[in-house]
Amino acid sequence: MVRIDAKGLHYKKLNDLIWEAVENGEEEIVLDNVCGQRYIGAGIRKKVKIEINGVPGNDLGVFMDGPEIIVNGNAQDGVGNTMNAGKIVVHGHAGDIIGYAMRGGHIYIKRNAGYRVGIHMKAYKENYPVVVIGGFARDFLGEYMAGGLLIVLGLEKDEDGNIAGNYVGTGMHGGEIFLRGTVEEHKLGKEVKIFQPTEEDINRIKPYVEEFCRLFDYDSEEILNEEFIILKPYTHRPYGRLYAY
């Protein structure tokens, strides 16, 4: 295990030190005093665990392909941007565009997330991205989503008592959004509809909810016993007629 003090380090210098440790065969890296440094874990393809004490900056885990990143605090925007594989665990809040164009791997956020979570998420064959949010998500959840799975557990609610903001699923043409609770239909993008989950549906999300509860010390049985809804797109080409006739 190697420990790096990030206090006052430029993000490029910090990332150079991380890559040096990875190339030297380190399997566990602890970063202390992180404060806004960007691109931590960017493009790393080896099985390494990175633990962050502090608040990482934008694009945490961008293009990541295999590592596990644990954030003991909050994270800024773009967590898991175009991520291929691995796991990111945030023991706090996360900012906007979480999982942007994410292609695989899992992201677990204990508390709340910002705007445009899951925008352009996609899945292909064995690549299946999953984002689980413990609290609520802001506007444009699942915007232009093309595949994968978003789960919002609603353990916290926003100032109006909602677990999702406006324009949920706008432009969505693949994947699924599970909400533990309800959302008013006027908050939905016109491309999605509400469905009631079957027992099979709940069994599909159960492993991810159980992992969330294991990570953050919640009771999975209690959470899964509450009512969920599923949001799904009703067309795979929501804007087809705008561009082709």
C-alpha atoms as a PDB file:
ATOM      1  CA  MET A   1       0.000   0.000   0.000  1.00  0.00           C
ATOM      2  CA  VAL A   2       1.234   3.485  -0.864  1.00  0.00           C
ATOM      3  CA  ARG A   3      -0.022   6.729   0.677  1.00  0.00           C
ATOM      4  CA  ILE A   4       0.118  10.063  -1.155  1.00  0.00           C
ATOM      5  CA  ASP A   5      -0.461  13.473   0.449  1.00  0.00           C
ATOM      6  CA  ALA A   6      -2.302  15.516  -2.182  1.00  0.00           C
ATOM      7  CA  LYS A   7      -2.292  18.776  -0.214  1.00  0.00           C
ATOM      8  CA  GLY A   8      -1.333  21.608  -2.552  1.00  0.00           C
ATOM      9  CA  LEU A   9      -0.497  19.284  -5.452  1.00  0.00           C
ATOM     10  CA  HIS A  10      -1.473  20.270  -8.989  1.00  0.00           C
ATOM     11  CA  TYR A  11      -3.842  17.685 -10.442  1.00  0.00           C
ATOM     12  CA  LYS A  12      -1.312  16.652 -13.093  1.00  0.00           C
ATOM     13  CA  LYS A  13       1.394  16.005 -10.508  1.00  0.00           C
ATOM     14  CA  LEU A  14      -1.009  13.998  -8.365  1.00  0.00           C
ATOM     15  CA  ASN A  15      -2.073  11.872 -11.310  1.00  0.00           C
ATOM     16  CA  ASP A  16       1.547  11.302 -12.301  1.00  0.00           C
ATOM     17  CA  LEU A  17       2.199   9.952  -8.800  1.00  0.00           C
ATOM     18  CA  ILE A  18      -0.857   7.686  -8.999  1.00  0.00           C
ATOM     19  CA  TRP A  19       0.224   6.290 -12.387  1.00  0.00           C
ATOM     20  CA  GLU A  20       3.749   5.764 -11.086  1.00  0.00           C
ATOM     21  CA  ALA A  21       2.390   3.734  -8.161  1.00  0.00           C
ATOM     22  CA  VAL A  22       0.189   1.674 -10.499  1.00  0.00           C
ATOM     23  CA  GLU A  23       3.086   0.964 -12.844  1.00  0.00           C
ATOM     24  CA  ASN A  24       5.184  -0.110  -9.846  1.00  0.00           C
ATOM     25  CA  GLY A  25       2.604  -2.794  -9.093  1.00  0.00           C
ATOM     26  CA  GLU A  26       0.881  -1.180  -6.121  1.00  0.00           C
ATOM     27  CA  GLU A  27      -2.565  -2.681  -5.537  1.00  0.00           C
ATOM     28  CA  GLU A  28      -3.807  -0.134  -2.989  1.00  0.00           C
ATOM     29  CA  ILE A  29      -3.305   3.639  -3.065  1.00  0.00           C
ATOM     30  CA  VAL A  30      -4.551   6.027  -0.379  1.00  0.00           C
ATOM     31  CA  LEU A  31      -4.842   9.728  -1.220  1.00  0.00           C
ATOM     32  CA  ASP A  32      -5.017  12.186   1.668  1.00  0.00           C
ATOM     33  CA  ASN A  33      -6.039  15.869   1.614  1.00  0.00           C
ATOM     34  CA  VAL A  34      -7.557  15.737  -1.851  1.00  0.00           C
ATOM     35  CA  CYS A  35      -9.215  19.056  -2.713  1.00  0.00           C
ATOM     36  CA  GLY A  36     -10.600  19.394  -6.221  1.00  0.00           C
ATOM     37  CA  GLN A  37      -7.873  17.611  -8.184  1.00  0.00           C
ATOM     38  CA  ARG A  38      -9.327  16.373 -11.473  1.00  0.00           C
ATOM     39  CA  TYR A  39      -9.087  13.140 -13.459  1.00  0.00           C
ATOM     40  CA  ILE A  40      -8.145  10.846 -10.564  1.00  0.00           C
ATOM     41  CA  GLY A  41      -8.117   7.269 -11.875  1.00  0.00           C
ATOM     42  CA  ALA A  42      -8.375   8.423 -15.492  1.00  0.00           C
ATOM     43  CA  GLY A  43      -7.840   5.617 -17.986  1.00  0.00           C
ATOM     44  CA  ILE A  44      -6.376   3.148 -15.504  1.00  0.00           C
ATOM     45  CA  ARG A  45      -6.889  -0.449 -16.662  1.00  0.00           C
ATOM     46  CA  LYS A  46      -5.367  -2.401 -13.785  1.00  0.00           C
ATOM     47  CA  LYS A  47      -7.038  -3.921 -10.721  1.00  0.00           C
ATOM     48  CA  VAL A  48      -6.079  -1.333  -8.144  1.00  0.00           C
ATOM     49  CA  LYS A  49      -7.962   0.155  -5.198  1.00  0.00           C
ATOM     50  CA  ILE A  50      -7.778   3.930  -4.762  1.00  0.00           C
ATOM     51  CA  GLU A  51      -9.111   5.398  -1.517  1.00  0.00           C
ATOM     52  CA  ILE A  52      -9.660   9.147  -1.445  1.00  0.00           C
ATOM     53  CA  ASN A  53      -9.808  11.229   1.720  1.00  0.00           C
ATOM     54  CA  GLY A  54     -11.165  14.602   0.678  1.00  0.00           C
ATOM     55  CA  VAL A  55     -13.174  15.892  -2.274  1.00  0.00           C
ATOM     56  CA  PRO A  56     -11.983  14.820  -5.749  1.00  0.00           C
ATOM     57  CA  GLY A  57     -12.580  17.195  -8.648  1.00  0.00           C
ATOM     58  CA  ASN A  58     -14.320  16.680 -11.969  1.00  0.00           C
ATOM     59  CA  ASP A  59     -14.122  13.501 -14.042  1.00  0.00           C
ATOM     60  CA  LEU A  60     -13.218  11.101 -11.268  1.00  0.00           C
ATOM     61  CA  GLY A  61     -12.636   7.712 -12.942  1.00  0.00           C
ATOM     62  CA  VAL A  62     -12.976   9.049 -16.493  1.00  0.00           C
ATOM     63  CA  PHE A  63     -12.341   6.231 -19.025  1.00  0.00           C
ATOM     64  CA  MET A  64     -11.595   3.940 -16.072  1.00  0.00           C
ATOM     65  CA  ASP A  65     -11.429   0.238 -16.908  1.00  0.00           C
ATOM     66  CA  GLY A  66     -11.202  -1.945 -13.816  1.00  0.00           C
ATOM     67  CA  PRO A  67     -10.098  -0.116 -10.636  1.00  0.00           C
ATOM     68  CA  GLU A  68     -12.133   0.407  -7.483  1.00  0.00           C
ATOM     69  CA  ILE A  69     -12.321   3.976  -6.177  1.00  0.00           C
ATOM     70  CA  ILE A  70     -13.664   4.812  -2.726  1.00  0.00           C
ATOM     71  CA  VAL A  71     -14.380   8.438  -1.812  1.00  0.00           C
ATOM     72  CA  ASN A  72     -14.670   9.162   1.905  1.00  0.00           C
ATOM     73  CA  GLY A  73     -16.658  12.330   1.344  1.00  0.00           C
ATOM     74  CA  ASN A  74     -18.313  14.148  -1.541  1.00  0.00           C
ATOM     75  CA  ALA A  75     -17.384  14.154  -5.240  1.00  0.00           C
ATOM     76  CA  GLN A  76     -17.745  16.836  -7.897  1.00  0.00           C
ATOM     77  CA  ASP A  77     -19.124  16.589 -11.455  1.00  0.00           C
ATOM     78  CA  GLY A  78     -18.590  13.866 -14.033  1.00  0.00           C
ATOM     79  CA  VAL A  79     -17.955  10.859 -11.779  1.00  0.00           C
ATOM     80  CA  GLY A  80     -17.507   7.808 -14.023  1.00  0.00           C
ATOM     81  CA  ASN A  81     -17.434   9.789 -17.269  1.00  0.00           C
ATOM     82  CA  THR A  82     -17.234   7.219 -20.126  1.00  0.00           C
ATOM     83  CA  MET A  83     -16.262   4.563 -17.586  1.00  0.00           C
ATOM     84  CA  ASN A  84     -15.782   1.047 -18.968  1.00  0.00           C
ATOM     85  CA  ALA A  85     -15.438  -1.194 -15.902  1.00  0.00           C
ATOM     86  CA  GLY A  86     -14.754  -1.095 -12.188  1.00  0.00           C
ATOM     87  CA  LYS A  87     -16.515   0.418  -9.195  1.00  0.00           C
ATOM     88  CA  ILE A  88     -16.776   3.910  -7.703  1.00  0.00           C
ATOM     89  CA  VAL A  89     -18.181   4.350  -4.185  1.00  0.00           C
ATOM     90  CA  VAL A  90     -18.991   7.834  -2.872  1.00  0.00           C
ATOM     91  CA  HIS A  91     -19.709   8.126   0.862  1.00  0.00           C
ATOM     92  CA  GLY A  92     -21.476  11.454   0.434  1.00  0.00           C
ATOM     93  CA  HIS A  93     -23.020  13.590  -2.308  1.00  0.00           C
ATOM     94  CA  ALA A  94     -22.014  13.727  -5.974  1.00  0.00           C
ATOM     95  CA  GLY A  95     -22.410  16.526  -8.509  1.00  0.00           C
ATOM     96  CA  ASP A  96     -23.794  16.734 -12.032  1.00  0.00           C
ATOM     97  CA  ILE A  97     -23.519  14.397 -15.067  1.00  0.00           C
ATOM     98  CA  ILE A  98     -22.687  11.317 -13.001  1.00  0.00           C
ATOM     99  CA  GLY A  99     -22.085   8.359 -15.322  1.00  0.00           C
ATOM    100  CA  TYR A 100     -21.946  10.504 -18.457  1.00  0.00           C
ATOM    101  CA  ALA A 101     -21.732   8.112 -21.463  1.00  0.00           C
ATOM    102  CA  MET A 102     -20.874   5.334 -19.008  1.00  0.00           C
ATOM    103  CA  ARG A 103     -20.367   1.993 -20.754  1.00  0.00           C
ATOM    104  CA  GLY A 104     -19.817  -0.430 -17.869  1.00  0.00           C
ATOM    105  CA  GLY A 105     -19.020  -0.753 -14.182  1.00  0.00           C
ATOM    106  CA  HIS A 106     -20.926   0.331 -11.088  1.00  0.00           C
ATOM    107  CA  ILE A 107     -21.275   3.638  -9.230  1.00  0.00           C
ATOM    108  CA  TYR A 108     -22.727   3.789  -5.707  1.00  0.00           C
ATOM    109  CA  ILE A 109     -23.563   7.182  -4.162  1.00  0.00           C
ATOM    110  CA  LYS A 110     -24.671   7.188  -0.537  1.00  0.00           C
ATOM    111  CA  ARG A 111     -26.533  10.496  -0.566  1.00  0.00           C
ATOM    112  CA  ASN A 112     -27.759  12.798  -3.358  1.00  0.00           C
ATOM    113  CA  ALA A 113     -26.715  13.569  -6.932  1.00  0.00           C
ATOM    114  CA  GLY A 114     -27.050  16.614  -9.146  1.00  0.00           C
ATOM    115  CA  TYR A 115     -28.344  17.209 -12.649  1.00  0.00           C
ATOM    116  CA  ARG A 116     -28.245  14.957 -15.723  1.00  0.00           C
ATOM    117  CA  VAL A 117     -27.280  11.746 -13.953  1.00  0.00           C
ATOM    118  CA  GLY A 118     -26.855   8.927 -16.476  1.00  0.00           C
ATOM    119  CA  ILE A 119     -26.915  11.154 -19.557  1.00  0.00           C
ATOM    120  CA  HIS A 120     -25.997   9.079 -22.619  1.00  0.00           C
ATOM    121  CA  MET A 121     -25.437   5.902 -20.583  1.00  0.00           C
ATOM    122  CA  LYS A 122     -25.269   2.863 -22.840  1.00  0.00           C
ATOM    123  CA  ALA A 123     -24.957  -0.926 -22.706  1.00  0.00           C
ATOM    124  CA  TYR A 124     -23.598  -3.479 -25.155  1.00  0.00           C
ATOM    125  CA  LYS A 125     -23.538  -7.252 -24.699  1.00  0.00           C
ATOM    126  CA  GLU A 126     -21.724  -7.979 -21.404  1.00  0.00           C
ATOM    127  CA  ASN A 127     -21.140  -4.269 -20.755  1.00  0.00           C
ATOM    128  CA  TYR A 128     -23.921  -3.100 -18.449  1.00  0.00           C
ATOM    129  CA  PRO A 129     -23.468   0.088 -16.407  1.00  0.00           C
ATOM    130  CA  VAL A 130     -25.271   0.579 -13.091  1.00  0.00           C
ATOM    131  CA  VAL A 131     -25.672   3.720 -10.964  1.00  0.00           C
ATOM    132  CA  VAL A 132     -27.316   3.548  -7.527  1.00  0.00           C
ATOM    133  CA  ILE A 133     -28.185   6.779  -5.687  1.00  0.00           C
ATOM    134  CA  GLY A 134     -29.245   6.614  -2.064  1.00  0.00           C
ATOM    135  CA  GLY A 135     -31.052   9.942  -1.893  1.00  0.00           C
ATOM    136  CA  PHE A 136     -32.513  12.026  -4.720  1.00  0.00           C
ATOM    137  CA  ALA A 137     -31.385  13.208  -8.158  1.00  0.00           C
ATOM    138  CA  ARG A 138     -32.013  16.585  -9.764  1.00  0.00           C
ATOM    139  CA  ASP A 139     -33.463  17.441 -13.210  1.00  0.00           C
ATOM    140  CA  PHE A 140     -32.861  15.468 -16.417  1.00  0.00           C
ATOM    141  CA  LEU A 141     -32.214  12.127 -14.739  1.00  0.00           C
ATOM    142  CA  GLY A 142     -31.494   9.573 -17.493  1.00  0.00           C
ATOM    143  CA  GLU A 143     -31.420  12.163 -20.280  1.00  0.00           C
ATOM    144  CA  TYR A 144     -30.759  10.524 -23.678  1.00  0.00           C
ATOM    145  CA  MET A 145     -30.094   7.270 -21.840  1.00  0.00           C
ATOM    146  CA  ALA A 146     -29.460   4.401 -24.243  1.00  0.00           C
ATOM    147  CA  GLY A 147     -28.837   1.471 -21.899  1.00  0.00           C
ATOM    148  CA  GLY A 148     -27.911   0.342 -18.424  1.00  0.00           C
ATOM    149  CA  LEU A 149     -29.632   0.815 -15.101  1.00  0.00           C
ATOM    150  CA  LEU A 150     -30.309   3.778 -12.818  1.00  0.00           C
ATOM    151  CA  ILE A 151     -31.669   3.143  -9.307  1.00  0.00           C
ATOM    152  CA  VAL A 152     -32.770   6.010  -7.048  1.00  0.00           C
ATOM    153  CA  LEU A 153     -33.662   4.863  -3.538  1.00  0.00           C
ATOM    154  CA  GLY A 154     -35.111   8.094  -2.139  1.00  0.00           C
ATOM    155  CA  LEU A 155     -33.614   7.721   1.333  1.00  0.00           C
ATOM    156  CA  GLU A 156     -33.428  11.525   1.254  1.00  0.00           C
ATOM    157  CA  LYS A 157     -35.754  13.862  -0.607  1.00  0.00           C
ATOM    158  CA  ASP A 158     -35.303  17.325  -2.078  1.00  0.00           C
ATOM    159  CA  GLU A 159     -36.746  20.526  -0.628  1.00  0.00           C
ATOM    160  CA  ASP A 160     -40.138  19.742  -2.231  1.00  0.00           C
ATOM    161  CA  GLY A 161     -40.230  16.133  -1.055  1.00  0.00           C
ATOM    162  CA  ASN A 162     -39.275  14.614  -4.425  1.00  0.00           C
ATOM    163  CA  ILE A 163     -36.722  11.933  -5.276  1.00  0.00           C
ATOM    164  CA  ALA A 164     -36.279  13.107  -8.869  1.00  0.00           C
ATOM    165  CA  GLY A 165     -36.452  16.529 -10.494  1.00  0.00           C
ATOM    166  CA  ASN A 166     -38.114  17.580 -13.726  1.00  0.00           C
ATOM    167  CA  TYR A 167     -37.641  16.184 -17.260  1.00  0.00           C
ATOM    168  CA  VAL A 168     -36.875  12.646 -16.086  1.00  0.00           C
ATOM    169  CA  GLY A 169     -35.921  10.451 -19.046  1.00  0.00           C
ATOM    170  CA  THR A 170     -35.982  13.215 -21.646  1.00  0.00           C
ATOM    171  CA  GLY A 171     -34.761  11.701 -24.916  1.00  0.00           C
ATOM    172  CA  MET A 172     -34.350   8.286 -23.276  1.00  0.00           C
ATOM    173  CA  HIS A 173     -34.339   5.417 -25.779  1.00  0.00           C
ATOM    174  CA  GLY A 174     -32.870   2.482 -23.828  1.00  0.00           C
ATOM    175  CA  GLY A 175     -32.166   1.208 -20.344  1.00  0.00           C
ATOM    176  CA  GLU A 176     -34.305   1.431 -17.219  1.00  0.00           C
ATOM    177  CA  ILE A 177     -34.782   3.776 -14.275  1.00  0.00           C
ATOM    178  CA  PHE A 178     -36.018   2.315 -10.982  1.00  0.00           C
ATOM    179  CA  LEU A 179     -37.419   4.771  -8.436  1.00  0.00           C
ATOM    180  CA  ARG A 180     -38.246   3.744  -4.879  1.00  0.00           C
ATOM    181  CA  GLY A 181     -41.320   5.905  -4.588  1.00  0.00           C
ATOM    182  CA  THR A 182     -43.327   7.844  -7.123  1.00  0.00           C
ATOM    183  CA  VAL A 183     -42.874  10.669  -9.593  1.00  0.00           C
ATOM    184  CA  GLU A 184     -45.591  12.871 -10.996  1.00  0.00           C
ATOM    185  CA  GLU A 185     -46.197  12.290 -14.686  1.00  0.00           C
ATOM    186  CA  HIS A 186     -45.749  15.956 -15.580  1.00  0.00           C
ATOM    187  CA  LYS A 187     -42.120  15.605 -14.444  1.00  0.00           C
ATOM    188  CA  LEU A 188     -41.392  12.969 -17.088  1.00  0.00           C
ATOM    189  CA  GLY A 189     -39.906  13.466 -20.511  1.00  0.00           C
ATOM    190  CA  LYS A 190     -42.394  12.601 -23.239  1.00  0.00           C
ATOM    191  CA  GLU A 191     -40.268   9.592 -24.250  1.00  0.00           C
ATOM    192  CA  VAL A 192     -40.868   7.533 -21.072  1.00  0.00           C
ATOM    193  CA  LYS A 193     -43.756   5.884 -19.281  1.00  0.00           C
ATOM    194  CA  ILE A 194     -44.276   4.476 -15.799  1.00  0.00           C
ATOM    195  CA  PHE A 195     -44.465   0.700 -15.346  1.00  0.00           C
ATOM    196  CA  GLN A 196     -45.062  -1.413 -12.261  1.00  0.00           C
ATOM    197  CA  PRO A 197     -42.155  -3.799 -11.615  1.00  0.00           C
ATOM    198  CA  THR A 198     -42.694  -7.533 -11.543  1.00  0.00           C
ATOM    199  CA  GLU A 199     -41.077  -9.843  -9.034  1.00  0.00           C
ATOM    200  CA  GLU A 200     -38.513 -10.653 -11.713  1.00  0.00           C
ATOM    201  CA  ASP A 201     -37.726  -6.942 -12.085  1.00  0.00           C
ATOM    202  CA  ILE A 202     -37.126  -6.555  -8.349  1.00  0.00           C
ATOM    203  CA  ASN A 203     -34.915  -9.638  -8.342  1.00  0.00           C
ATOM    204  CA  ARG A 204     -32.802  -8.049 -11.088  1.00  0.00           C
ATOM    205  CA  ILE A 205     -32.066  -4.942  -9.023  1.00  0.00           C
ATOM    206  CA  LYS A 206     -31.761  -6.817  -5.734  1.00  0.00           C
ATOM    207  CA  PRO A 207     -27.983  -7.535  -5.992  1.00  0.00           C
ATOM    208  CA  TYR A 208     -27.239  -3.841  -6.579  1.00  0.00           C
ATOM    209  CA  VAL A 209     -29.461  -2.688  -3.714  1.00  0.00           C
ATOM    210  CA  GLU A 210     -27.887  -5.278  -1.445  1.00  0.00           C
ATOM    211  CA  GLU A 211     -24.410  -4.083  -2.421  1.00  0.00           C
ATOM    212  CA  PHE A 212     -25.447  -0.483  -1.720  1.00  0.00           C
ATOM    213  CA  CYS A 213     -26.674  -1.518   1.716  1.00  0.00           C
ATOM    214  CA  ARG A 214     -23.517  -3.478   2.431  1.00  0.00           C
ATOM    215  CA  LEU A 215     -21.350  -0.506   1.489  1.00  0.00           C
ATOM    216  CA  PHE A 216     -23.294   2.076   3.475  1.00  0.00           C
ATOM    217  CA  ASP A 217     -24.762   0.002   6.304  1.00  0.00           C
ATOM    218  CA  TYR A 218     -28.457   0.003   5.405  1.00  0.00           C
ATOM    219  CA  ASP A 219     -31.083  -2.726   5.757  1.00  0.00           C
ATOM    220  CA  SER A 220     -31.660  -4.118   2.251  1.00  0.00           C
ATOM    221  CA  GLU A 221     -34.801  -6.006   3.218  1.00  0.00           C
ATOM    222  CA  GLU A 222     -36.395  -2.840   4.556  1.00  0.00           C
ATOM    223  CA  ILE A 223     -35.504  -0.902   1.397  1.00  0.00           C
ATOM    224  CA  LEU A 224     -36.674  -3.606  -1.007  1.00  0.00           C
ATOM    225  CA  ASN A 225     -39.996  -3.965   0.796  1.00  0.00           C
ATOM    226  CA  GLU A 226     -41.016  -0.461  -0.288  1.00  0.00           C
ATOM    227  CA  GLU A 227     -42.810   0.187  -3.579  1.00  0.00           C
ATOM    228  CA  PHE A 228     -40.749   0.819  -6.716  1.00  0.00           C
ATOM    229  CA  ILE A 229     -41.717   2.061 -10.152  1.00  0.00           C
ATOM    230  CA  ILE A 230     -39.840   1.609 -13.447  1.00  0.00           C
ATOM    231  CA  LEU A 231     -39.434   4.241 -16.114  1.00  0.00           C
ATOM    232  CA  LYS A 232     -38.878   2.884 -19.603  1.00  0.00           C
ATOM    233  CA  PRO A 233     -38.812   4.472 -23.056  1.00  0.00           C
ATOM    234  CA  TYR A 234     -41.650   3.534 -25.357  1.00  0.00           C
ATOM    235  CA  THR A 235     -39.628   4.112 -28.522  1.00  0.00           C
ATOM    236  CA  HIS A 236     -36.021   3.432 -29.547  1.00  0.00           C
ATOM    237  CA  ARG A 237     -36.004   6.419 -31.934  1.00  0.00           C
ATOM    238  CA  PRO A 238     -37.620   9.332 -30.051  1.00  0.00           C
ATOM    239  CA  TYR A 239     -36.397  11.936 -32.541  1.00  0.00           C
ATOM    240  CA  GLY A 240     -36.344   9.853 -35.678  1.00  0.00           C
ATOM    241  CA  ARG A 241     -38.923  11.945 -37.501  1.00  0.00           C
ATOM    242  CA  LEU A 242     -37.012  15.139 -36.835  1.00  0.00           C
ATOM    243  CA  TYR A 243     -34.061  14.008 -38.927  1.00  0.00           C
ATOM    244  CA  ALA A 244     -35.402  11.395 -41.354  1.00  0.00           C
ATOM    245  CA  TYR A 245     -38.642  11.320 -43.310  1.00  0.00           C
END
